[in-house]
N, C-alpha and C. Protein backbone atom coordinates (compact mmCIF):
# COMPACT_ATOMS: atom_id res chain seq x y z
N MET A 1 -5.55 -43.53 -54.11
CA MET A 1 -5.21 -42.13 -53.93
C MET A 1 -6.18 -41.47 -52.95
N LYS A 2 -7.47 -41.84 -53.11
CA LYS A 2 -8.49 -41.27 -52.24
C LYS A 2 -8.26 -41.69 -50.80
N ASN A 3 -7.87 -42.93 -50.58
CA ASN A 3 -7.59 -43.41 -49.23
C ASN A 3 -6.41 -42.67 -48.62
N LYS A 4 -5.45 -42.31 -49.45
CA LYS A 4 -4.28 -41.57 -48.96
C LYS A 4 -4.72 -40.22 -48.38
N TRP A 5 -5.61 -39.51 -49.07
CA TRP A 5 -6.09 -38.21 -48.59
C TRP A 5 -6.96 -38.35 -47.34
N VAL A 6 -7.70 -39.42 -47.26
CA VAL A 6 -8.51 -39.67 -46.07
C VAL A 6 -7.60 -39.91 -44.86
N VAL A 7 -6.56 -40.70 -45.06
CA VAL A 7 -5.61 -40.98 -43.96
C VAL A 7 -4.89 -39.70 -43.55
N ILE A 8 -4.45 -38.90 -44.53
CA ILE A 8 -3.74 -37.64 -44.22
C ILE A 8 -4.68 -36.68 -43.48
N THR A 9 -5.91 -36.56 -43.93
CA THR A 9 -6.88 -35.69 -43.27
C THR A 9 -7.16 -36.17 -41.84
N PHE A 10 -7.29 -37.49 -41.69
CA PHE A 10 -7.51 -38.07 -40.37
C PHE A 10 -6.34 -37.78 -39.43
N LEU A 11 -5.10 -37.92 -39.91
CA LEU A 11 -3.90 -37.63 -39.10
C LEU A 11 -3.83 -36.14 -38.72
N ILE A 12 -4.13 -35.29 -39.68
CA ILE A 12 -4.12 -33.84 -39.39
C ILE A 12 -5.17 -33.52 -38.34
N LEU A 13 -6.33 -34.12 -38.46
CA LEU A 13 -7.40 -33.91 -37.49
C LEU A 13 -6.98 -34.37 -36.10
N ILE A 14 -6.36 -35.52 -36.00
CA ILE A 14 -5.90 -36.04 -34.70
C ILE A 14 -4.82 -35.14 -34.12
N LEU A 15 -3.84 -34.74 -34.93
CA LEU A 15 -2.76 -33.87 -34.45
C LEU A 15 -3.28 -32.51 -34.02
N THR A 16 -4.20 -31.95 -34.77
CA THR A 16 -4.77 -30.64 -34.43
C THR A 16 -5.58 -30.73 -33.14
N THR A 17 -6.38 -31.76 -33.01
CA THR A 17 -7.18 -31.93 -31.81
C THR A 17 -6.29 -32.14 -30.59
N GLY A 18 -5.24 -32.91 -30.74
CA GLY A 18 -4.30 -33.13 -29.63
C GLY A 18 -3.60 -31.86 -29.21
N SER A 19 -3.23 -31.02 -30.18
CA SER A 19 -2.56 -29.76 -29.82
C SER A 19 -3.54 -28.78 -29.18
N LEU A 20 -4.82 -28.85 -29.56
CA LEU A 20 -5.81 -27.98 -28.93
C LEU A 20 -5.92 -28.29 -27.44
N PHE A 21 -5.90 -29.59 -27.10
CA PHE A 21 -5.96 -29.97 -25.69
C PHE A 21 -4.72 -29.47 -24.96
N ALA A 22 -3.56 -29.54 -25.61
CA ALA A 22 -2.33 -29.06 -24.99
C ALA A 22 -2.41 -27.56 -24.75
N LYS A 23 -2.90 -26.83 -25.75
CA LYS A 23 -3.05 -25.39 -25.59
C LYS A 23 -4.07 -25.07 -24.50
N SER A 24 -5.11 -25.86 -24.45
CA SER A 24 -6.14 -25.65 -23.44
C SER A 24 -5.57 -25.83 -22.04
N ALA A 25 -4.78 -26.89 -21.84
CA ALA A 25 -4.17 -27.13 -20.53
C ALA A 25 -3.21 -25.99 -20.18
N LEU A 26 -2.48 -25.50 -21.17
CA LEU A 26 -1.57 -24.39 -20.93
C LEU A 26 -2.35 -23.13 -20.56
N MET A 27 -3.45 -22.88 -21.26
CA MET A 27 -4.26 -21.70 -20.94
C MET A 27 -4.85 -21.79 -19.54
N VAL A 28 -5.27 -22.97 -19.13
CA VAL A 28 -5.78 -23.14 -17.78
C VAL A 28 -4.70 -22.81 -16.76
N LEU A 29 -3.50 -23.28 -17.00
CA LEU A 29 -2.39 -23.02 -16.09
C LEU A 29 -2.09 -21.52 -16.01
N ILE A 30 -2.05 -20.85 -17.15
CA ILE A 30 -1.74 -19.42 -17.17
C ILE A 30 -2.84 -18.62 -16.48
N THR A 31 -4.10 -18.86 -16.83
CA THR A 31 -5.18 -18.09 -16.23
C THR A 31 -5.37 -18.43 -14.76
N ASP A 32 -5.08 -19.67 -14.38
CA ASP A 32 -5.17 -20.04 -12.97
C ASP A 32 -4.15 -19.25 -12.16
N MET A 33 -2.95 -19.10 -12.68
CA MET A 33 -1.93 -18.34 -11.97
C MET A 33 -2.31 -16.86 -11.90
N TYR A 34 -2.93 -16.34 -12.95
CA TYR A 34 -3.32 -14.93 -12.97
C TYR A 34 -4.49 -14.66 -12.04
N ASN A 35 -5.44 -15.57 -11.98
CA ASN A 35 -6.67 -15.33 -11.22
C ASN A 35 -6.60 -15.79 -9.77
N GLN A 36 -5.43 -16.11 -9.27
CA GLN A 36 -5.32 -16.50 -7.88
C GLN A 36 -5.40 -15.27 -6.98
N LYS A 37 -5.44 -15.47 -5.69
CA LYS A 37 -5.55 -14.40 -4.71
C LYS A 37 -4.28 -13.56 -4.75
N ASN A 38 -4.37 -12.34 -5.29
CA ASN A 38 -3.21 -11.47 -5.38
C ASN A 38 -3.65 -10.03 -5.59
N ILE A 39 -2.69 -9.15 -5.67
CA ILE A 39 -2.97 -7.73 -5.89
C ILE A 39 -2.78 -7.45 -7.37
N LYS A 40 -3.80 -6.86 -7.98
CA LYS A 40 -3.72 -6.49 -9.39
C LYS A 40 -3.78 -4.96 -9.44
N PRO A 41 -2.64 -4.31 -9.60
CA PRO A 41 -2.60 -2.85 -9.54
C PRO A 41 -3.51 -2.16 -10.54
N GLN A 42 -3.84 -2.83 -11.64
CA GLN A 42 -4.67 -2.20 -12.66
C GLN A 42 -6.14 -2.17 -12.28
N GLU A 43 -6.54 -2.86 -11.23
CA GLU A 43 -7.94 -2.90 -10.83
C GLU A 43 -8.25 -1.77 -9.85
N GLN A 44 -9.43 -1.24 -9.94
CA GLN A 44 -9.87 -0.13 -9.11
C GLN A 44 -9.81 -0.50 -7.64
N GLY A 45 -9.09 0.28 -6.84
CA GLY A 45 -9.04 0.10 -5.39
C GLY A 45 -8.22 -1.08 -4.92
N SER A 46 -7.53 -1.78 -5.82
CA SER A 46 -6.83 -3.00 -5.40
C SER A 46 -5.62 -2.72 -4.52
N MET A 47 -5.06 -1.53 -4.56
CA MET A 47 -3.88 -1.24 -3.77
C MET A 47 -4.23 -0.73 -2.37
N LEU A 48 -5.51 -0.51 -2.11
CA LEU A 48 -5.90 -0.03 -0.79
C LEU A 48 -5.95 -1.15 0.23
N HIS A 49 -6.39 -2.33 -0.17
CA HIS A 49 -6.54 -3.43 0.76
C HIS A 49 -5.84 -4.66 0.22
N PHE A 50 -4.92 -5.19 0.98
CA PHE A 50 -4.21 -6.39 0.58
C PHE A 50 -5.06 -7.61 0.89
N PRO A 51 -4.86 -8.70 0.16
CA PRO A 51 -5.64 -9.90 0.44
C PRO A 51 -5.42 -10.41 1.86
N ILE A 52 -6.49 -10.76 2.55
CA ILE A 52 -6.40 -11.31 3.89
C ILE A 52 -5.59 -12.60 3.84
N ASP A 53 -4.76 -12.82 4.84
CA ASP A 53 -3.90 -14.00 4.96
C ASP A 53 -2.73 -14.01 3.98
N SER A 54 -2.45 -12.88 3.31
CA SER A 54 -1.23 -12.81 2.51
C SER A 54 -0.08 -12.47 3.46
N VAL A 55 1.14 -12.59 3.00
CA VAL A 55 2.31 -12.38 3.86
C VAL A 55 2.86 -10.98 3.63
N THR A 56 3.13 -10.25 4.72
CA THR A 56 3.65 -8.90 4.64
C THR A 56 5.15 -8.91 4.42
N ARG A 57 5.72 -7.72 4.23
CA ARG A 57 7.17 -7.59 4.05
C ARG A 57 7.94 -8.12 5.25
N LYS A 58 7.35 -8.04 6.44
CA LYS A 58 8.03 -8.50 7.65
C LYS A 58 7.86 -10.01 7.86
N GLY A 59 7.17 -10.68 6.94
CA GLY A 59 6.98 -12.11 7.06
C GLY A 59 5.81 -12.51 7.95
N LYS A 60 4.97 -11.54 8.33
CA LYS A 60 3.80 -11.84 9.16
C LYS A 60 2.58 -12.01 8.27
N VAL A 61 1.63 -12.79 8.72
CA VAL A 61 0.40 -12.98 7.98
C VAL A 61 -0.44 -11.71 8.11
N TYR A 62 -0.89 -11.19 6.98
CA TYR A 62 -1.67 -9.95 6.96
C TYR A 62 -3.06 -10.17 7.52
N ARG A 63 -3.40 -9.37 8.47
CA ARG A 63 -4.77 -9.27 8.96
C ARG A 63 -5.25 -7.90 8.54
N ASN A 64 -6.48 -7.70 8.35
CA ASN A 64 -7.01 -6.49 7.75
C ASN A 64 -6.73 -5.25 8.61
N VAL A 65 -5.64 -4.54 8.32
CA VAL A 65 -5.33 -3.33 9.08
C VAL A 65 -6.25 -2.18 8.70
N GLY A 66 -6.99 -2.32 7.62
CA GLY A 66 -7.96 -1.31 7.24
C GLY A 66 -9.33 -1.52 7.88
N ASP A 67 -9.44 -2.52 8.73
CA ASP A 67 -10.70 -2.82 9.41
C ASP A 67 -11.08 -1.64 10.30
N THR A 68 -12.32 -1.19 10.21
CA THR A 68 -12.74 0.00 10.94
C THR A 68 -12.68 -0.17 12.45
N THR A 69 -12.86 -1.38 12.97
CA THR A 69 -12.77 -1.56 14.42
C THR A 69 -11.33 -1.37 14.89
N VAL A 70 -10.38 -1.87 14.11
CA VAL A 70 -8.97 -1.66 14.43
C VAL A 70 -8.61 -0.20 14.20
N LEU A 71 -9.15 0.36 13.12
CA LEU A 71 -8.86 1.74 12.75
C LEU A 71 -9.20 2.71 13.87
N THR A 72 -10.31 2.51 14.53
CA THR A 72 -10.74 3.47 15.54
C THR A 72 -10.27 3.13 16.95
N SER A 73 -9.84 1.92 17.20
CA SER A 73 -9.50 1.51 18.56
C SER A 73 -8.27 2.23 19.11
N TRP A 74 -7.36 2.67 18.28
CA TRP A 74 -6.13 3.30 18.74
C TRP A 74 -6.26 4.80 18.92
N ILE A 75 -7.28 5.42 18.35
CA ILE A 75 -7.37 6.89 18.34
C ILE A 75 -7.50 7.45 19.75
N ALA A 76 -8.39 6.92 20.55
CA ALA A 76 -8.57 7.44 21.91
C ALA A 76 -7.31 7.24 22.74
N ARG A 77 -6.66 6.09 22.61
CA ARG A 77 -5.43 5.81 23.37
C ARG A 77 -4.32 6.80 23.00
N GLU A 78 -4.18 7.09 21.72
CA GLU A 78 -3.09 7.96 21.27
C GLU A 78 -3.39 9.45 21.45
N ALA A 79 -4.64 9.78 21.70
CA ALA A 79 -5.00 11.19 21.93
C ALA A 79 -4.67 11.64 23.35
N MET A 80 -4.53 10.71 24.28
CA MET A 80 -4.24 11.04 25.67
C MET A 80 -2.73 11.02 25.91
N PRO A 81 -2.15 12.08 26.44
CA PRO A 81 -0.70 12.10 26.66
C PRO A 81 -0.21 11.01 27.61
N THR A 82 -1.05 10.56 28.53
CA THR A 82 -0.62 9.55 29.50
C THR A 82 -0.60 8.14 28.91
N THR A 83 -1.38 7.90 27.86
CA THR A 83 -1.47 6.54 27.29
C THR A 83 -0.88 6.42 25.89
N THR A 84 -0.33 7.49 25.36
CA THR A 84 0.20 7.44 24.01
C THR A 84 1.44 6.55 23.91
N THR A 85 1.64 5.97 22.77
CA THR A 85 2.80 5.12 22.52
C THR A 85 4.03 5.99 22.32
N LYS A 86 5.09 5.66 23.02
CA LYS A 86 6.35 6.42 22.91
C LYS A 86 7.17 5.87 21.75
N ASN A 87 7.88 6.76 21.09
CA ASN A 87 8.73 6.38 19.96
C ASN A 87 9.96 5.62 20.48
N PRO A 88 10.13 4.35 20.10
CA PRO A 88 11.28 3.58 20.59
C PRO A 88 12.57 3.85 19.81
N ILE A 89 12.48 4.58 18.69
CA ILE A 89 13.65 4.84 17.85
C ILE A 89 14.17 6.25 18.15
N LYS A 90 15.43 6.32 18.53
CA LYS A 90 16.06 7.62 18.80
C LYS A 90 16.19 8.42 17.50
N PRO A 91 16.00 9.75 17.55
CA PRO A 91 16.08 10.55 16.33
C PRO A 91 17.54 10.84 15.90
N THR A 92 18.21 9.81 15.44
CA THR A 92 19.58 9.96 14.95
C THR A 92 19.55 10.51 13.52
N LYS A 93 20.73 10.90 13.02
CA LYS A 93 20.80 11.39 11.63
C LYS A 93 20.34 10.32 10.65
N GLU A 94 20.72 9.08 10.93
CA GLU A 94 20.33 7.98 10.05
C GLU A 94 18.81 7.76 10.07
N SER A 95 18.23 7.81 11.25
CA SER A 95 16.78 7.64 11.37
C SER A 95 16.04 8.76 10.65
N ILE A 96 16.50 9.98 10.82
CA ILE A 96 15.85 11.13 10.17
C ILE A 96 15.98 11.03 8.65
N ALA A 97 17.16 10.62 8.18
CA ALA A 97 17.37 10.46 6.73
C ALA A 97 16.46 9.35 6.19
N ASP A 98 16.35 8.24 6.92
CA ASP A 98 15.46 7.15 6.48
C ASP A 98 14.01 7.62 6.48
N GLY A 99 13.63 8.39 7.49
CA GLY A 99 12.27 8.92 7.56
C GLY A 99 11.97 9.89 6.43
N GLU A 100 12.96 10.69 6.07
CA GLU A 100 12.79 11.62 4.95
C GLU A 100 12.54 10.83 3.66
N TYR A 101 13.31 9.76 3.48
CA TYR A 101 13.13 8.91 2.31
C TYR A 101 11.71 8.32 2.29
N MET A 102 11.26 7.83 3.44
CA MET A 102 9.91 7.25 3.52
C MET A 102 8.85 8.32 3.21
N TYR A 103 9.05 9.54 3.70
CA TYR A 103 8.11 10.63 3.42
C TYR A 103 8.03 10.89 1.92
N HIS A 104 9.19 10.95 1.28
CA HIS A 104 9.20 11.22 -0.17
C HIS A 104 8.58 10.07 -0.96
N VAL A 105 8.75 8.86 -0.51
CA VAL A 105 8.20 7.70 -1.23
C VAL A 105 6.69 7.59 -1.01
N TYR A 106 6.22 7.69 0.23
CA TYR A 106 4.83 7.37 0.54
C TYR A 106 3.92 8.58 0.82
N CYS A 107 4.47 9.67 1.30
CA CYS A 107 3.62 10.75 1.82
C CYS A 107 3.58 12.00 0.94
N GLN A 108 4.70 12.34 0.36
CA GLN A 108 4.81 13.62 -0.34
C GLN A 108 3.86 13.72 -1.53
N VAL A 109 3.56 12.62 -2.18
CA VAL A 109 2.68 12.66 -3.34
C VAL A 109 1.31 13.24 -2.98
N CYS A 110 0.86 13.02 -1.77
CA CYS A 110 -0.44 13.58 -1.34
C CYS A 110 -0.28 14.83 -0.46
N HIS A 111 0.61 14.75 0.54
CA HIS A 111 0.73 15.84 1.52
C HIS A 111 1.65 16.95 1.06
N GLY A 112 2.45 16.71 0.04
CA GLY A 112 3.27 17.75 -0.55
C GLY A 112 4.46 18.14 0.30
N ASN A 113 5.02 19.26 -0.08
CA ASN A 113 6.18 19.83 0.60
C ASN A 113 5.75 20.31 1.99
N LEU A 114 6.55 20.03 2.98
CA LEU A 114 6.22 20.45 4.35
C LEU A 114 6.44 21.94 4.59
N GLN A 115 7.01 22.63 3.63
CA GLN A 115 7.36 24.04 3.83
C GLN A 115 6.21 25.01 3.52
N LYS A 116 5.30 24.63 2.61
CA LYS A 116 4.24 25.58 2.25
C LYS A 116 2.98 24.85 1.81
N PRO A 117 1.80 25.39 2.15
CA PRO A 117 0.55 24.81 1.67
C PRO A 117 0.19 25.35 0.28
N ASN A 118 -0.83 24.78 -0.34
CA ASN A 118 -1.32 25.36 -1.59
C ASN A 118 -2.30 26.50 -1.26
N LYS A 119 -2.92 27.07 -2.26
CA LYS A 119 -3.81 28.21 -2.06
C LYS A 119 -5.03 27.87 -1.20
N ALA A 120 -5.45 26.61 -1.24
CA ALA A 120 -6.62 26.19 -0.46
C ALA A 120 -6.25 25.80 0.97
N GLY A 121 -4.97 25.86 1.32
CA GLY A 121 -4.53 25.50 2.66
C GLY A 121 -4.29 24.00 2.83
N LEU A 122 -4.27 23.26 1.73
CA LEU A 122 -3.99 21.83 1.76
C LEU A 122 -2.54 21.60 1.38
N GLY A 123 -2.12 20.36 1.37
CA GLY A 123 -0.77 20.03 0.96
C GLY A 123 -0.54 20.44 -0.49
N ASP A 124 0.61 21.01 -0.78
CA ASP A 124 0.93 21.47 -2.13
C ASP A 124 1.44 20.26 -2.93
N SER A 125 0.51 19.52 -3.52
CA SER A 125 0.88 18.28 -4.20
C SER A 125 0.07 18.10 -5.48
N LYS A 126 0.54 17.20 -6.32
CA LYS A 126 -0.16 16.87 -7.56
C LYS A 126 -1.52 16.24 -7.27
N VAL A 127 -1.60 15.45 -6.21
CA VAL A 127 -2.86 14.80 -5.85
C VAL A 127 -3.91 15.85 -5.51
N ASN A 128 -3.54 16.86 -4.74
CA ASN A 128 -4.50 17.91 -4.39
C ASN A 128 -4.86 18.75 -5.61
N GLN A 129 -3.95 18.89 -6.55
CA GLN A 129 -4.27 19.61 -7.78
C GLN A 129 -5.31 18.86 -8.61
N LYS A 130 -5.38 17.55 -8.43
CA LYS A 130 -6.35 16.72 -9.16
C LYS A 130 -7.70 16.63 -8.45
N GLY A 131 -7.84 17.28 -7.28
CA GLY A 131 -9.12 17.31 -6.60
C GLY A 131 -9.22 16.52 -5.31
N MET A 132 -8.18 15.82 -4.93
CA MET A 132 -8.20 15.11 -3.65
C MET A 132 -7.98 16.12 -2.52
N MET A 133 -8.16 15.67 -1.29
CA MET A 133 -7.98 16.58 -0.16
C MET A 133 -7.04 15.97 0.86
N ALA A 134 -5.75 16.16 0.66
CA ALA A 134 -4.75 15.70 1.64
C ALA A 134 -4.29 16.92 2.43
N MET A 135 -4.33 16.80 3.73
CA MET A 135 -4.04 17.93 4.62
C MET A 135 -2.59 18.39 4.52
N TYR A 136 -2.40 19.67 4.77
CA TYR A 136 -1.07 20.24 4.94
C TYR A 136 -0.67 19.93 6.38
N LEU A 137 0.37 19.16 6.56
CA LEU A 137 0.68 18.58 7.88
C LEU A 137 1.34 19.53 8.87
N THR A 138 2.10 20.49 8.40
CA THR A 138 2.95 21.30 9.28
C THR A 138 2.21 21.92 10.47
N PRO A 139 1.06 22.59 10.30
CA PRO A 139 0.41 23.20 11.47
C PRO A 139 -0.15 22.18 12.46
N MET A 140 -0.47 20.98 11.99
CA MET A 140 -1.10 19.98 12.86
C MET A 140 -0.10 19.18 13.69
N LEU A 141 1.09 18.97 13.15
CA LEU A 141 2.03 18.03 13.77
C LEU A 141 2.38 18.31 15.22
N PRO A 142 2.60 19.57 15.64
CA PRO A 142 2.94 19.78 17.04
C PRO A 142 1.87 19.30 18.02
N ALA A 143 0.63 19.28 17.60
CA ALA A 143 -0.45 18.87 18.50
C ALA A 143 -0.64 17.34 18.52
N LEU A 144 -0.02 16.63 17.60
CA LEU A 144 -0.20 15.18 17.52
C LEU A 144 0.93 14.45 18.23
N SER A 145 0.58 13.36 18.91
CA SER A 145 1.61 12.57 19.59
C SER A 145 2.36 11.72 18.56
N ASP A 146 3.54 11.25 18.96
CA ASP A 146 4.31 10.36 18.10
C ASP A 146 3.51 9.10 17.78
N GLY A 147 2.85 8.56 18.79
CA GLY A 147 2.05 7.36 18.59
C GLY A 147 0.91 7.59 17.62
N TYR A 148 0.28 8.77 17.69
CA TYR A 148 -0.81 9.08 16.77
C TYR A 148 -0.31 9.09 15.33
N ILE A 149 0.82 9.75 15.09
CA ILE A 149 1.38 9.80 13.73
C ILE A 149 1.73 8.39 13.26
N PHE A 150 2.35 7.61 14.15
CA PHE A 150 2.74 6.24 13.82
C PHE A 150 1.52 5.41 13.42
N TYR A 151 0.46 5.45 14.23
CA TYR A 151 -0.72 4.64 13.94
C TYR A 151 -1.51 5.18 12.76
N LYS A 152 -1.48 6.48 12.54
CA LYS A 152 -2.14 7.05 11.36
C LYS A 152 -1.46 6.53 10.10
N ALA A 153 -0.12 6.47 10.12
CA ALA A 153 0.61 5.90 8.98
C ALA A 153 0.31 4.41 8.85
N THR A 154 0.15 3.72 9.96
CA THR A 154 -0.11 2.28 9.94
C THR A 154 -1.48 1.96 9.39
N TYR A 155 -2.52 2.62 9.90
CA TYR A 155 -3.90 2.26 9.57
C TYR A 155 -4.58 3.19 8.56
N GLY A 156 -3.95 4.30 8.22
CA GLY A 156 -4.57 5.23 7.28
C GLY A 156 -5.76 5.93 7.89
N SER A 157 -6.58 6.51 7.03
CA SER A 157 -7.74 7.24 7.53
C SER A 157 -9.02 6.44 7.41
N GLY A 158 -8.99 5.35 6.68
CA GLY A 158 -10.21 4.58 6.48
C GLY A 158 -11.03 5.11 5.32
N ALA A 159 -10.69 6.28 4.81
CA ALA A 159 -11.44 6.86 3.70
C ALA A 159 -10.52 7.04 2.49
N ILE A 160 -9.66 8.04 2.56
CA ILE A 160 -8.81 8.34 1.42
C ILE A 160 -7.38 7.85 1.63
N MET A 161 -6.82 8.14 2.79
CA MET A 161 -5.43 7.75 3.04
C MET A 161 -5.33 6.23 3.22
N PRO A 162 -4.49 5.58 2.42
CA PRO A 162 -4.38 4.12 2.53
C PRO A 162 -3.57 3.71 3.76
N PRO A 163 -3.82 2.53 4.30
CA PRO A 163 -2.98 2.04 5.39
C PRO A 163 -1.60 1.66 4.85
N LEU A 164 -0.56 2.12 5.51
CA LEU A 164 0.81 1.82 5.07
C LEU A 164 1.49 0.80 5.97
N GLY A 165 0.74 0.19 6.87
CA GLY A 165 1.31 -0.77 7.80
C GLY A 165 1.92 -1.98 7.14
N ASN A 166 1.48 -2.31 5.94
CA ASN A 166 2.05 -3.44 5.22
C ASN A 166 3.06 -2.99 4.18
N ALA A 167 3.14 -1.71 3.90
CA ALA A 167 4.09 -1.20 2.93
C ALA A 167 5.41 -0.80 3.60
N MET A 168 5.33 -0.36 4.84
CA MET A 168 6.51 0.09 5.57
C MET A 168 6.70 -0.78 6.82
N THR A 169 7.94 -1.00 7.18
CA THR A 169 8.19 -1.74 8.42
C THR A 169 7.89 -0.84 9.61
N GLU A 170 7.83 -1.44 10.78
CA GLU A 170 7.58 -0.66 12.00
C GLU A 170 8.69 0.38 12.20
N LYS A 171 9.93 0.01 12.01
CA LYS A 171 11.05 0.94 12.16
C LYS A 171 10.94 2.09 11.15
N GLU A 172 10.56 1.78 9.92
CA GLU A 172 10.43 2.84 8.91
C GLU A 172 9.34 3.84 9.29
N ARG A 173 8.26 3.37 9.90
CA ARG A 173 7.20 4.29 10.33
C ARG A 173 7.68 5.16 11.49
N TRP A 174 8.47 4.60 12.43
CA TRP A 174 9.02 5.40 13.52
C TRP A 174 10.06 6.38 12.97
N ASP A 175 10.83 5.97 11.96
CA ASP A 175 11.77 6.90 11.31
C ASP A 175 11.02 8.05 10.66
N LEU A 176 9.87 7.75 10.08
CA LEU A 176 9.03 8.80 9.50
C LEU A 176 8.60 9.79 10.57
N VAL A 177 8.21 9.29 11.72
CA VAL A 177 7.84 10.17 12.84
C VAL A 177 9.02 11.05 13.23
N ASN A 178 10.21 10.47 13.32
CA ASN A 178 11.41 11.24 13.67
C ASN A 178 11.68 12.33 12.63
N TYR A 179 11.52 12.01 11.36
CA TYR A 179 11.72 13.01 10.30
C TYR A 179 10.71 14.15 10.43
N LEU A 180 9.45 13.81 10.63
CA LEU A 180 8.42 14.85 10.76
C LEU A 180 8.68 15.73 11.98
N ARG A 181 9.08 15.13 13.10
CA ARG A 181 9.39 15.92 14.30
C ARG A 181 10.60 16.80 14.08
N HIS A 182 11.60 16.30 13.37
CA HIS A 182 12.82 17.07 13.12
C HIS A 182 12.55 18.24 12.17
N THR A 183 11.70 17.99 11.17
CA THR A 183 11.43 19.00 10.14
C THR A 183 10.46 20.07 10.64
N VAL A 184 9.44 19.66 11.36
CA VAL A 184 8.41 20.59 11.83
C VAL A 184 8.60 20.80 13.31
N ARG A 185 9.15 21.92 13.68
CA ARG A 185 9.37 22.24 15.09
C ARG A 185 8.60 23.47 15.49
């Protein structure tokens, strides 16, 4: 009888140890997939910069569009009327409607309604109510070139405004420019 319990205990021990290894291998697989190079929205600042060499929506390999050397290289070119990038997308009704959609998805949360500023002269938005400082765009837009607006949306500000070059396609950013030009005259 005693030998029977020893054999049963030995079998339970072997089966339990074997299943622990199986669980361990499964845990390694799960945590390995979680801890790979990716964007984790719950982590502080993770949505500002995408992993280098990841693939964008357009199928291109991501290079750091938030890099300060890239960020500043376009400003001087777009500030001069003779060297600014021209908008290749005609301001059709479809383009303006698409740009309006892009504004509501990506811009309005910070810059607010284009019709009125808040009491501090900033964009009338929830973000500004929480203490951020996103500019009210309407008075500035006539002085900015289409290329400047396009590249500002692409590369962000380098400080608070995130780069949207990987979130929006090139056409969507030009549609956004068309919407802003159509709305603010």
